[in-house]
């Protein structure tokens, strides 16, 4: 992949783009008024576009760019601030000071909610195997201004890693996290979930298996949680107790350790 800037830029944004390129060990390319299509034809690479207020990624094999926006997380955060219930928090039983490992970061909605819930004394680590998606989301978590101070701080506290979750789990000591969480791509299409559909082709996570869950049981001190389509066979196949929710297309399942 290569890193460039938006069409209209400034020195601050150019410097930021160069730092991002350096930290991700990929080339920085000056925009020079060239279109993204032209850059794709020239370099035949995925493109990271650093704008003044956001970062977007434009995969080589897709026309539409992807831009980080914590859309659903903002709605959920506002509810949490009002002490309203969140099904994810209920399933994970997260409390202030706890540690969560999100093995399938995606757009980080659940990681953001978890980070707010566990607070500054807790910790959230989020894993994403796809380098493009990881770069876009990890940079967005650092810089995106939601207008909600508590949410901004929660986003900035999240630690991210561009790694496959099985490889990461296998390196960890026993009881390294209180909760280990999985949200794999749904086998069934969920049309209402635009964010999931947009990142579907950019996600390369290891398929959940008995081996992965075995490692998760070793790493989790309290609970393993799975989010999946309500008809998914993974709940039964992998030994999760399914939490059924009427009128919801996805359910949570848990294994207490």
C-alpha atoms as a PDB file:
ATOM      1  CA  UNK A   1       0.000   0.000   0.000  1.00  0.00           C
ATOM      2  CA  UNK A   2       0.990   3.661  -0.427  1.00  0.00           C
ATOM      3  CA  UNK A   3       0.151   6.793   1.561  1.00  0.00           C
ATOM      4  CA  UNK A   4      -0.855  10.114   0.036  1.00  0.00           C
ATOM      5  CA  UNK A   5      -2.900  13.176   1.014  1.00  0.00           C
ATOM      6  CA  UNK A   6      -6.234  14.590   0.006  1.00  0.00           C
ATOM      7  CA  UNK A   7      -6.483  16.844  -3.037  1.00  0.00           C
ATOM      8  CA  UNK A   8      -6.444  19.980  -0.897  1.00  0.00           C
ATOM      9  CA  UNK A   9      -3.849  19.703   1.838  1.00  0.00           C
ATOM     10  CA  UNK A  10      -1.417  21.634   4.023  1.00  0.00           C
ATOM     11  CA  UNK A  11       2.020  21.111   5.542  1.00  0.00           C
ATOM     12  CA  UNK A  12       0.634  19.692   8.795  1.00  0.00           C
ATOM     13  CA  UNK A  13      -1.339  17.028   6.913  1.00  0.00           C
ATOM     14  CA  UNK A  14       1.636  16.229   4.664  1.00  0.00           C
ATOM     15  CA  UNK A  15       3.874  15.742   7.710  1.00  0.00           C
ATOM     16  CA  UNK A  16       1.247  13.481   9.295  1.00  0.00           C
ATOM     17  CA  UNK A  17       0.963  11.419   6.105  1.00  0.00           C
ATOM     18  CA  UNK A  18       4.742  10.968   5.997  1.00  0.00           C
ATOM     19  CA  UNK A  19       4.791   9.810   9.632  1.00  0.00           C
ATOM     20  CA  UNK A  20       1.995   7.314   8.959  1.00  0.00           C
ATOM     21  CA  UNK A  21       3.882   5.976   5.933  1.00  0.00           C
ATOM     22  CA  UNK A  22       7.068   5.640   7.969  1.00  0.00           C
ATOM     23  CA  UNK A  23       5.417   3.900  10.924  1.00  0.00           C
ATOM     24  CA  UNK A  24       3.674   1.443   8.578  1.00  0.00           C
ATOM     25  CA  UNK A  25       6.777   0.869   6.450  1.00  0.00           C
ATOM     26  CA  UNK A  26       5.157   1.899   3.183  1.00  0.00           C
ATOM     27  CA  UNK A  27       5.942   4.630   0.620  1.00  0.00           C
ATOM     28  CA  UNK A  28       4.654   8.184   0.837  1.00  0.00           C
ATOM     29  CA  UNK A  29       3.610   9.580  -2.562  1.00  0.00           C
ATOM     30  CA  UNK A  30       2.981  13.264  -3.228  1.00  0.00           C
ATOM     31  CA  UNK A  31      -0.522  13.844  -4.570  1.00  0.00           C
ATOM     32  CA  UNK A  32       0.449  16.495  -7.151  1.00  0.00           C
ATOM     33  CA  UNK A  33      -3.196  16.937  -8.212  1.00  0.00           C
ATOM     34  CA  UNK A  34      -3.367  13.350  -9.465  1.00  0.00           C
ATOM     35  CA  UNK A  35      -6.659  11.513  -9.093  1.00  0.00           C
ATOM     36  CA  UNK A  36      -6.880   8.388  -6.934  1.00  0.00           C
ATOM     37  CA  UNK A  37      -7.712   6.403 -10.084  1.00  0.00           C
ATOM     38  CA  UNK A  38      -4.499   7.651 -11.691  1.00  0.00           C
ATOM     39  CA  UNK A  39      -2.458   6.713  -8.612  1.00  0.00           C
ATOM     40  CA  UNK A  40      -3.976   3.229  -8.661  1.00  0.00           C
ATOM     41  CA  UNK A  41      -3.068   2.762 -12.326  1.00  0.00           C
ATOM     42  CA  UNK A  42       0.471   3.975 -11.683  1.00  0.00           C
ATOM     43  CA  UNK A  43       1.301   2.120  -8.474  1.00  0.00           C
ATOM     44  CA  UNK A  44      -1.148  -0.833  -8.503  1.00  0.00           C
ATOM     45  CA  UNK A  45      -1.449  -0.568  -4.719  1.00  0.00           C
ATOM     46  CA  UNK A  46      -4.085   0.030  -2.063  1.00  0.00           C
ATOM     47  CA  UNK A  47      -4.088   3.727  -1.147  1.00  0.00           C
ATOM     48  CA  UNK A  48      -4.242   5.431   2.251  1.00  0.00           C
ATOM     49  CA  UNK A  49      -5.550   9.001   1.915  1.00  0.00           C
ATOM     50  CA  UNK A  50      -4.705  11.333   4.784  1.00  0.00           C
ATOM     51  CA  UNK A  51      -7.040  14.323   4.946  1.00  0.00           C
ATOM     52  CA  UNK A  52      -7.053  17.294   7.255  1.00  0.00           C
ATOM     53  CA  UNK A  53      -9.664  15.788   9.558  1.00  0.00           C
ATOM     54  CA  UNK A  54      -9.811  12.087   8.679  1.00  0.00           C
ATOM     55  CA  UNK A  55      -8.114   9.122   7.041  1.00  0.00           C
ATOM     56  CA  UNK A  56      -9.720   6.993   4.346  1.00  0.00           C
ATOM     57  CA  UNK A  57      -8.560   3.880   2.539  1.00  0.00           C
ATOM     58  CA  UNK A  58      -9.160   3.145  -1.127  1.00  0.00           C
ATOM     59  CA  UNK A  59      -8.497  -0.537  -1.905  1.00  0.00           C
ATOM     60  CA  UNK A  60      -7.096  -1.295  -5.333  1.00  0.00           C
ATOM     61  CA  UNK A  61     -10.007  -3.581  -6.221  1.00  0.00           C
ATOM     62  CA  UNK A  62     -12.786  -1.278  -4.972  1.00  0.00           C
ATOM     63  CA  UNK A  63     -14.109   2.023  -6.285  1.00  0.00           C
ATOM     64  CA  UNK A  64     -15.641   3.342  -3.066  1.00  0.00           C
ATOM     65  CA  UNK A  65     -13.280   4.512  -0.304  1.00  0.00           C
ATOM     66  CA  UNK A  66     -13.769   3.576   3.346  1.00  0.00           C
ATOM     67  CA  UNK A  67     -13.585   6.233   6.065  1.00  0.00           C
ATOM     68  CA  UNK A  68     -13.507   5.730   9.811  1.00  0.00           C
ATOM     69  CA  UNK A  69     -16.565   7.001  11.629  1.00  0.00           C
ATOM     70  CA  UNK A  70     -17.692   5.703  15.034  1.00  0.00           C
ATOM     71  CA  UNK A  71     -21.346   5.962  14.002  1.00  0.00           C
ATOM     72  CA  UNK A  72     -23.144   3.280  16.001  1.00  0.00           C
ATOM     73  CA  UNK A  73     -20.694   3.580  18.873  1.00  0.00           C
ATOM     74  CA  UNK A  74     -21.735   7.225  19.378  1.00  0.00           C
ATOM     75  CA  UNK A  75     -25.372   6.232  19.809  1.00  0.00           C
ATOM     76  CA  UNK A  76     -24.444   3.468  22.249  1.00  0.00           C
ATOM     77  CA  UNK A  77     -22.073   5.709  24.206  1.00  0.00           C
ATOM     78  CA  UNK A  78     -24.802   8.310  24.711  1.00  0.00           C
ATOM     79  CA  UNK A  79     -27.057   5.568  26.068  1.00  0.00           C
ATOM     80  CA  UNK A  80     -24.358   4.308  28.420  1.00  0.00           C
ATOM     81  CA  UNK A  81     -23.736   7.817  29.736  1.00  0.00           C
ATOM     82  CA  UNK A  82     -27.465   7.913  30.563  1.00  0.00           C
ATOM     83  CA  UNK A  83     -27.058   4.548  32.369  1.00  0.00           C
ATOM     84  CA  UNK A  84     -29.145   2.723  29.758  1.00  0.00           C
ATOM     85  CA  UNK A  85     -28.488  -0.961  29.016  1.00  0.00           C
ATOM     86  CA  UNK A  86     -26.228  -2.155  26.190  1.00  0.00           C
ATOM     87  CA  UNK A  87     -26.545  -5.850  25.122  1.00  0.00           C
ATOM     88  CA  UNK A  88     -22.787  -6.122  24.542  1.00  0.00           C
ATOM     89  CA  UNK A  89     -21.997  -4.870  28.046  1.00  0.00           C
ATOM     90  CA  UNK A  90     -24.604  -7.227  29.478  1.00  0.00           C
ATOM     91  CA  UNK A  91     -23.092 -10.187  27.611  1.00  0.00           C
ATOM     92  CA  UNK A  92     -19.491  -9.402  28.543  1.00  0.00           C
ATOM     93  CA  UNK A  93     -20.352  -8.335  32.137  1.00  0.00           C
ATOM     94  CA  UNK A  94     -17.661  -5.649  31.831  1.00  0.00           C
ATOM     95  CA  UNK A  95     -17.099  -3.422  34.850  1.00  0.00           C
ATOM     96  CA  UNK A  96     -14.673  -0.570  35.580  1.00  0.00           C
ATOM     97  CA  UNK A  97     -11.096  -1.779  35.869  1.00  0.00           C
ATOM     98  CA  UNK A  98     -11.541  -4.937  33.756  1.00  0.00           C
ATOM     99  CA  UNK A  99      -9.454  -5.963  30.715  1.00  0.00           C
ATOM    100  CA  UNK A 100     -11.005  -6.934  27.370  1.00  0.00           C
ATOM    101  CA  UNK A 101      -9.348  -8.440  24.296  1.00  0.00           C
ATOM    102  CA  UNK A 102     -11.374  -7.738  21.142  1.00  0.00           C
ATOM    103  CA  UNK A 103     -10.113 -10.351  18.676  1.00  0.00           C
ATOM    104  CA  UNK A 104     -12.027  -8.930  15.687  1.00  0.00           C
ATOM    105  CA  UNK A 105     -11.789  -5.128  15.814  1.00  0.00           C
ATOM    106  CA  UNK A 106     -13.437  -4.202  12.495  1.00  0.00           C
ATOM    107  CA  UNK A 107     -14.660  -0.620  12.889  1.00  0.00           C
ATOM    108  CA  UNK A 108     -14.034  -0.807  16.671  1.00  0.00           C
ATOM    109  CA  UNK A 109     -17.582  -0.019  17.765  1.00  0.00           C
ATOM    110  CA  UNK A 110     -17.554  -2.656  20.514  1.00  0.00           C
ATOM    111  CA  UNK A 111     -14.014  -1.769  21.570  1.00  0.00           C
ATOM    112  CA  UNK A 112     -15.021   1.875  22.024  1.00  0.00           C
ATOM    113  CA  UNK A 113     -18.039   0.942  24.129  1.00  0.00           C
ATOM    114  CA  UNK A 114     -15.902  -1.462  26.164  1.00  0.00           C
ATOM    115  CA  UNK A 115     -13.217   1.173  26.742  1.00  0.00           C
ATOM    116  CA  UNK A 116     -15.759   3.627  28.124  1.00  0.00           C
ATOM    117  CA  UNK A 117     -17.223   0.930  30.382  1.00  0.00           C
ATOM    118  CA  UNK A 118     -13.913  -0.276  31.881  1.00  0.00           C
ATOM    119  CA  UNK A 119     -12.643   3.296  32.302  1.00  0.00           C
ATOM    120  CA  UNK A 120      -9.102   4.556  32.738  1.00  0.00           C
ATOM    121  CA  UNK A 121      -8.305   1.816  35.289  1.00  0.00           C
ATOM    122  CA  UNK A 122      -9.253  -0.903  32.802  1.00  0.00           C
ATOM    123  CA  UNK A 123      -7.843  -1.715  29.400  1.00  0.00           C
ATOM    124  CA  UNK A 124      -9.010  -2.714  25.914  1.00  0.00           C
ATOM    125  CA  UNK A 125      -6.791  -4.280  23.247  1.00  0.00           C
ATOM    126  CA  UNK A 126      -8.270  -4.700  19.744  1.00  0.00           C
ATOM    127  CA  UNK A 127      -6.840  -6.968  17.037  1.00  0.00           C
ATOM    128  CA  UNK A 128      -7.324  -6.565  13.276  1.00  0.00           C
ATOM    129  CA  UNK A 129      -5.629  -8.856  10.752  1.00  0.00           C
ATOM    130  CA  UNK A 130      -6.242  -6.672   7.693  1.00  0.00           C
ATOM    131  CA  UNK A 131      -3.497  -3.995   7.457  1.00  0.00           C
ATOM    132  CA  UNK A 132      -5.645  -1.443   5.595  1.00  0.00           C
ATOM    133  CA  UNK A 133      -8.524  -1.671   8.016  1.00  0.00           C
ATOM    134  CA  UNK A 134      -6.195  -1.644  11.011  1.00  0.00           C
ATOM    135  CA  UNK A 135      -4.405   1.491   9.833  1.00  0.00           C
ATOM    136  CA  UNK A 136      -7.622   3.375   9.093  1.00  0.00           C
ATOM    137  CA  UNK A 137      -9.287   2.515  12.386  1.00  0.00           C
ATOM    138  CA  UNK A 138      -6.247   2.817  14.654  1.00  0.00           C
ATOM    139  CA  UNK A 139      -5.456   6.300  13.299  1.00  0.00           C
ATOM    140  CA  UNK A 140      -9.123   7.255  13.533  1.00  0.00           C
ATOM    141  CA  UNK A 141      -9.272   6.212  17.182  1.00  0.00           C
ATOM    142  CA  UNK A 142      -6.373   8.551  17.936  1.00  0.00           C
ATOM    143  CA  UNK A 143      -7.632  11.621  16.090  1.00  0.00           C
ATOM    144  CA  UNK A 144     -11.404  11.533  15.489  1.00  0.00           C
ATOM    145  CA  UNK A 145     -13.305  14.166  17.480  1.00  0.00           C
ATOM    146  CA  UNK A 146     -16.773  12.918  18.373  1.00  0.00           C
ATOM    147  CA  UNK A 147     -17.719  16.027  20.323  1.00  0.00           C
ATOM    148  CA  UNK A 148     -18.090  13.807  23.419  1.00  0.00           C
ATOM    149  CA  UNK A 149     -15.071  14.188  25.688  1.00  0.00           C
ATOM    150  CA  UNK A 150     -15.580  10.870  27.520  1.00  0.00           C
ATOM    151  CA  UNK A 151     -15.836   9.032  24.203  1.00  0.00           C
ATOM    152  CA  UNK A 152     -12.723  10.691  22.748  1.00  0.00           C
ATOM    153  CA  UNK A 153     -10.713   9.605  25.790  1.00  0.00           C
ATOM    154  CA  UNK A 154     -12.141   6.077  25.608  1.00  0.00           C
ATOM    155  CA  UNK A 155     -11.118   5.806  21.937  1.00  0.00           C
ATOM    156  CA  UNK A 156      -7.607   7.064  22.621  1.00  0.00           C
ATOM    157  CA  UNK A 157      -7.091   4.517  25.416  1.00  0.00           C
ATOM    158  CA  UNK A 158      -7.603   1.524  23.093  1.00  0.00           C
ATOM    159  CA  UNK A 159      -4.472  -0.402  22.116  1.00  0.00           C
ATOM    160  CA  UNK A 160      -4.597  -1.898  18.611  1.00  0.00           C
ATOM    161  CA  UNK A 161      -2.491  -4.536  16.877  1.00  0.00           C
ATOM    162  CA  UNK A 162      -2.335  -5.624  13.233  1.00  0.00           C
ATOM    163  CA  UNK A 163      -2.198  -9.363  13.850  1.00  0.00           C
ATOM    164  CA  UNK A 164      -4.218 -12.536  13.438  1.00  0.00           C
ATOM    165  CA  UNK A 165      -6.046 -13.351  16.665  1.00  0.00           C
ATOM    166  CA  UNK A 166      -4.838 -16.964  16.937  1.00  0.00           C
ATOM    167  CA  UNK A 167      -1.222 -15.855  16.690  1.00  0.00           C
ATOM    168  CA  UNK A 168      -1.779 -13.168  19.322  1.00  0.00           C
ATOM    169  CA  UNK A 169      -3.662 -15.447  21.716  1.00  0.00           C
ATOM    170  CA  UNK A 170      -0.983 -18.130  21.512  1.00  0.00           C
ATOM    171  CA  UNK A 171       1.654 -15.635  22.697  1.00  0.00           C
ATOM    172  CA  UNK A 172      -0.256 -14.522  25.788  1.00  0.00           C
ATOM    173  CA  UNK A 173       0.125 -15.887  29.325  1.00  0.00           C
ATOM    174  CA  UNK A 174      -2.764 -17.491  31.179  1.00  0.00           C
ATOM    175  CA  UNK A 175      -5.469 -15.121  32.507  1.00  0.00           C
ATOM    176  CA  UNK A 176      -4.026 -12.144  30.579  1.00  0.00           C
ATOM    177  CA  UNK A 177      -7.516 -10.633  30.054  1.00  0.00           C
ATOM    178  CA  UNK A 178     -10.776 -10.814  31.961  1.00  0.00           C
ATOM    179  CA  UNK A 179     -12.858 -11.181  28.784  1.00  0.00           C
ATOM    180  CA  UNK A 180     -11.973 -12.378  25.271  1.00  0.00           C
ATOM    181  CA  UNK A 181     -14.436 -11.287  22.579  1.00  0.00           C
ATOM    182  CA  UNK A 182     -15.092 -12.468  19.009  1.00  0.00           C
ATOM    183  CA  UNK A 183     -17.305 -10.834  16.368  1.00  0.00           C
ATOM    184  CA  UNK A 184     -16.610 -12.754  13.120  1.00  0.00           C
ATOM    185  CA  UNK A 185     -18.131 -11.774   9.794  1.00  0.00           C
ATOM    186  CA  UNK A 186     -21.666 -13.074   9.587  1.00  0.00           C
ATOM    187  CA  UNK A 187     -22.330 -16.014   7.271  1.00  0.00           C
ATOM    188  CA  UNK A 188     -25.829 -14.626   6.726  1.00  0.00           C
ATOM    189  CA  UNK A 189     -26.258 -11.239   4.997  1.00  0.00           C
ATOM    190  CA  UNK A 190     -27.470  -8.465   7.287  1.00  0.00           C
ATOM    191  CA  UNK A 191     -28.604  -5.666   5.008  1.00  0.00           C
ATOM    192  CA  UNK A 192     -29.225  -3.202   7.834  1.00  0.00           C
ATOM    193  CA  UNK A 193     -25.579  -3.318   8.918  1.00  0.00           C
ATOM    194  CA  UNK A 194     -23.945  -0.956   6.390  1.00  0.00           C
ATOM    195  CA  UNK A 195     -20.649  -0.798   8.261  1.00  0.00           C
ATOM    196  CA  UNK A 196     -20.317  -4.587   8.208  1.00  0.00           C
ATOM    197  CA  UNK A 197     -21.116  -4.755   4.488  1.00  0.00           C
ATOM    198  CA  UNK A 198     -18.586  -2.027   3.629  1.00  0.00           C
ATOM    199  CA  UNK A 199     -15.680  -3.759   5.360  1.00  0.00           C
ATOM    200  CA  UNK A 200     -16.644  -7.324   4.493  1.00  0.00           C
ATOM    201  CA  UNK A 201     -14.209  -7.702   1.595  1.00  0.00           C
ATOM    202  CA  UNK A 202     -11.403  -6.093   3.606  1.00  0.00           C
ATOM    203  CA  UNK A 203     -11.586  -8.478   6.556  1.00  0.00           C
ATOM    204  CA  UNK A 204      -9.224 -11.442   6.760  1.00  0.00           C
ATOM    205  CA  UNK A 205      -9.720 -13.038  10.149  1.00  0.00           C
ATOM    206  CA  UNK A 206      -8.870 -16.608  11.021  1.00  0.00           C
ATOM    207  CA  UNK A 207     -11.987 -18.758  11.092  1.00  0.00           C
ATOM    208  CA  UNK A 208     -13.068 -19.584  14.623  1.00  0.00           C
ATOM    209  CA  UNK A 209     -12.178 -23.124  15.582  1.00  0.00           C
ATOM    210  CA  UNK A 210     -11.933 -25.345  18.623  1.00  0.00           C
ATOM    211  CA  UNK A 211      -8.216 -24.518  18.718  1.00  0.00           C
ATOM    212  CA  UNK A 212      -8.852 -20.762  18.820  1.00  0.00           C
ATOM    213  CA  UNK A 213     -11.451 -21.156  21.576  1.00  0.00           C
ATOM    214  CA  UNK A 214      -9.075 -23.388  23.527  1.00  0.00           C
ATOM    215  CA  UNK A 215      -6.493 -20.592  23.491  1.00  0.00           C
ATOM    216  CA  UNK A 216      -9.174 -18.057  24.437  1.00  0.00           C
ATOM    217  CA  UNK A 217     -10.163 -20.173  27.459  1.00  0.00           C
ATOM    218  CA  UNK A 218      -6.555 -20.132  28.617  1.00  0.00           C
ATOM    219  CA  UNK A 219      -6.205 -16.370  28.160  1.00  0.00           C
ATOM    220  CA  UNK A 220      -9.607 -15.324  29.557  1.00  0.00           C
ATOM    221  CA  UNK A 221      -9.861 -15.098  33.325  1.00  0.00           C
ATOM    222  CA  UNK A 222     -13.641 -14.737  33.429  1.00  0.00           C
ATOM    223  CA  UNK A 223     -15.559 -15.103  30.165  1.00  0.00           C
ATOM    224  CA  UNK A 224     -15.379 -15.608  26.387  1.00  0.00           C
ATOM    225  CA  UNK A 225     -18.100 -13.891  24.329  1.00  0.00           C
ATOM    226  CA  UNK A 226     -19.184 -14.507  20.729  1.00  0.00           C
ATOM    227  CA  UNK A 227     -21.417 -12.231  18.639  1.00  0.00           C
ATOM    228  CA  UNK A 228     -22.942 -13.898  15.596  1.00  0.00           C
ATOM    229  CA  UNK A 229     -26.042 -14.279  13.450  1.00  0.00           C
ATOM    230  CA  UNK A 230     -28.902 -15.760  15.444  1.00  0.00           C
ATOM    231  CA  UNK A 231     -28.960 -18.823  13.165  1.00  0.00           C
ATOM    232  CA  UNK A 232     -25.201 -19.394  13.306  1.00  0.00           C
ATOM    233  CA  UNK A 233     -24.153 -22.972  14.139  1.00  0.00           C
ATOM    234  CA  UNK A 234     -21.003 -21.661  15.823  1.00  0.00           C
ATOM    235  CA  UNK A 235     -22.762 -21.183  19.167  1.00  0.00           C
ATOM    236  CA  UNK A 236     -23.438 -24.914  19.447  1.00  0.00           C
ATOM    237  CA  UNK A 237     -20.316 -26.123  17.633  1.00  0.00           C
ATOM    238  CA  UNK A 238     -17.949 -24.126  19.854  1.00  0.00           C
ATOM    239  CA  UNK A 239     -19.777 -24.623  23.159  1.00  0.00           C
ATOM    240  CA  UNK A 240     -21.329 -21.176  23.723  1.00  0.00           C
ATOM    241  CA  UNK A 241     -24.501 -20.562  25.704  1.00  0.00           C
ATOM    242  CA  UNK A 242     -26.614 -18.465  23.321  1.00  0.00           C
ATOM    243  CA  UNK A 243     -28.365 -15.377  24.677  1.00  0.00           C
ATOM    244  CA  UNK A 244     -31.500 -15.154  22.536  1.00  0.00           C
ATOM    245  CA  UNK A 245     -32.989 -11.743  21.795  1.00  0.00           C
ATOM    246  CA  UNK A 246     -36.368 -11.347  20.122  1.00  0.00           C
ATOM    247  CA  UNK A 247     -36.415  -9.232  16.927  1.00  0.00           C
ATOM    248  CA  UNK A 248     -32.584  -9.118  16.788  1.00  0.00           C
ATOM    249  CA  UNK A 249     -30.664 -10.545  13.825  1.00  0.00           C
ATOM    250  CA  UNK A 250     -27.568 -11.173  15.930  1.00  0.00           C
ATOM    251  CA  UNK A 251     -27.160 -12.805  19.306  1.00  0.00           C
ATOM    252  CA  UNK A 252     -24.402 -13.082  21.890  1.00  0.00           C
ATOM    253  CA  UNK A 253     -23.085 -16.289  23.354  1.00  0.00           C
ATOM    254  CA  UNK A 254     -20.764 -16.851  26.294  1.00  0.00           C
ATOM    255  CA  UNK A 255     -18.482 -19.407  27.898  1.00  0.00           C
ATOM    256  CA  UNK A 256     -17.663 -18.810  31.549  1.00  0.00           C
ATOM    257  CA  UNK A 257     -14.125 -19.835  32.418  1.00  0.00           C
END
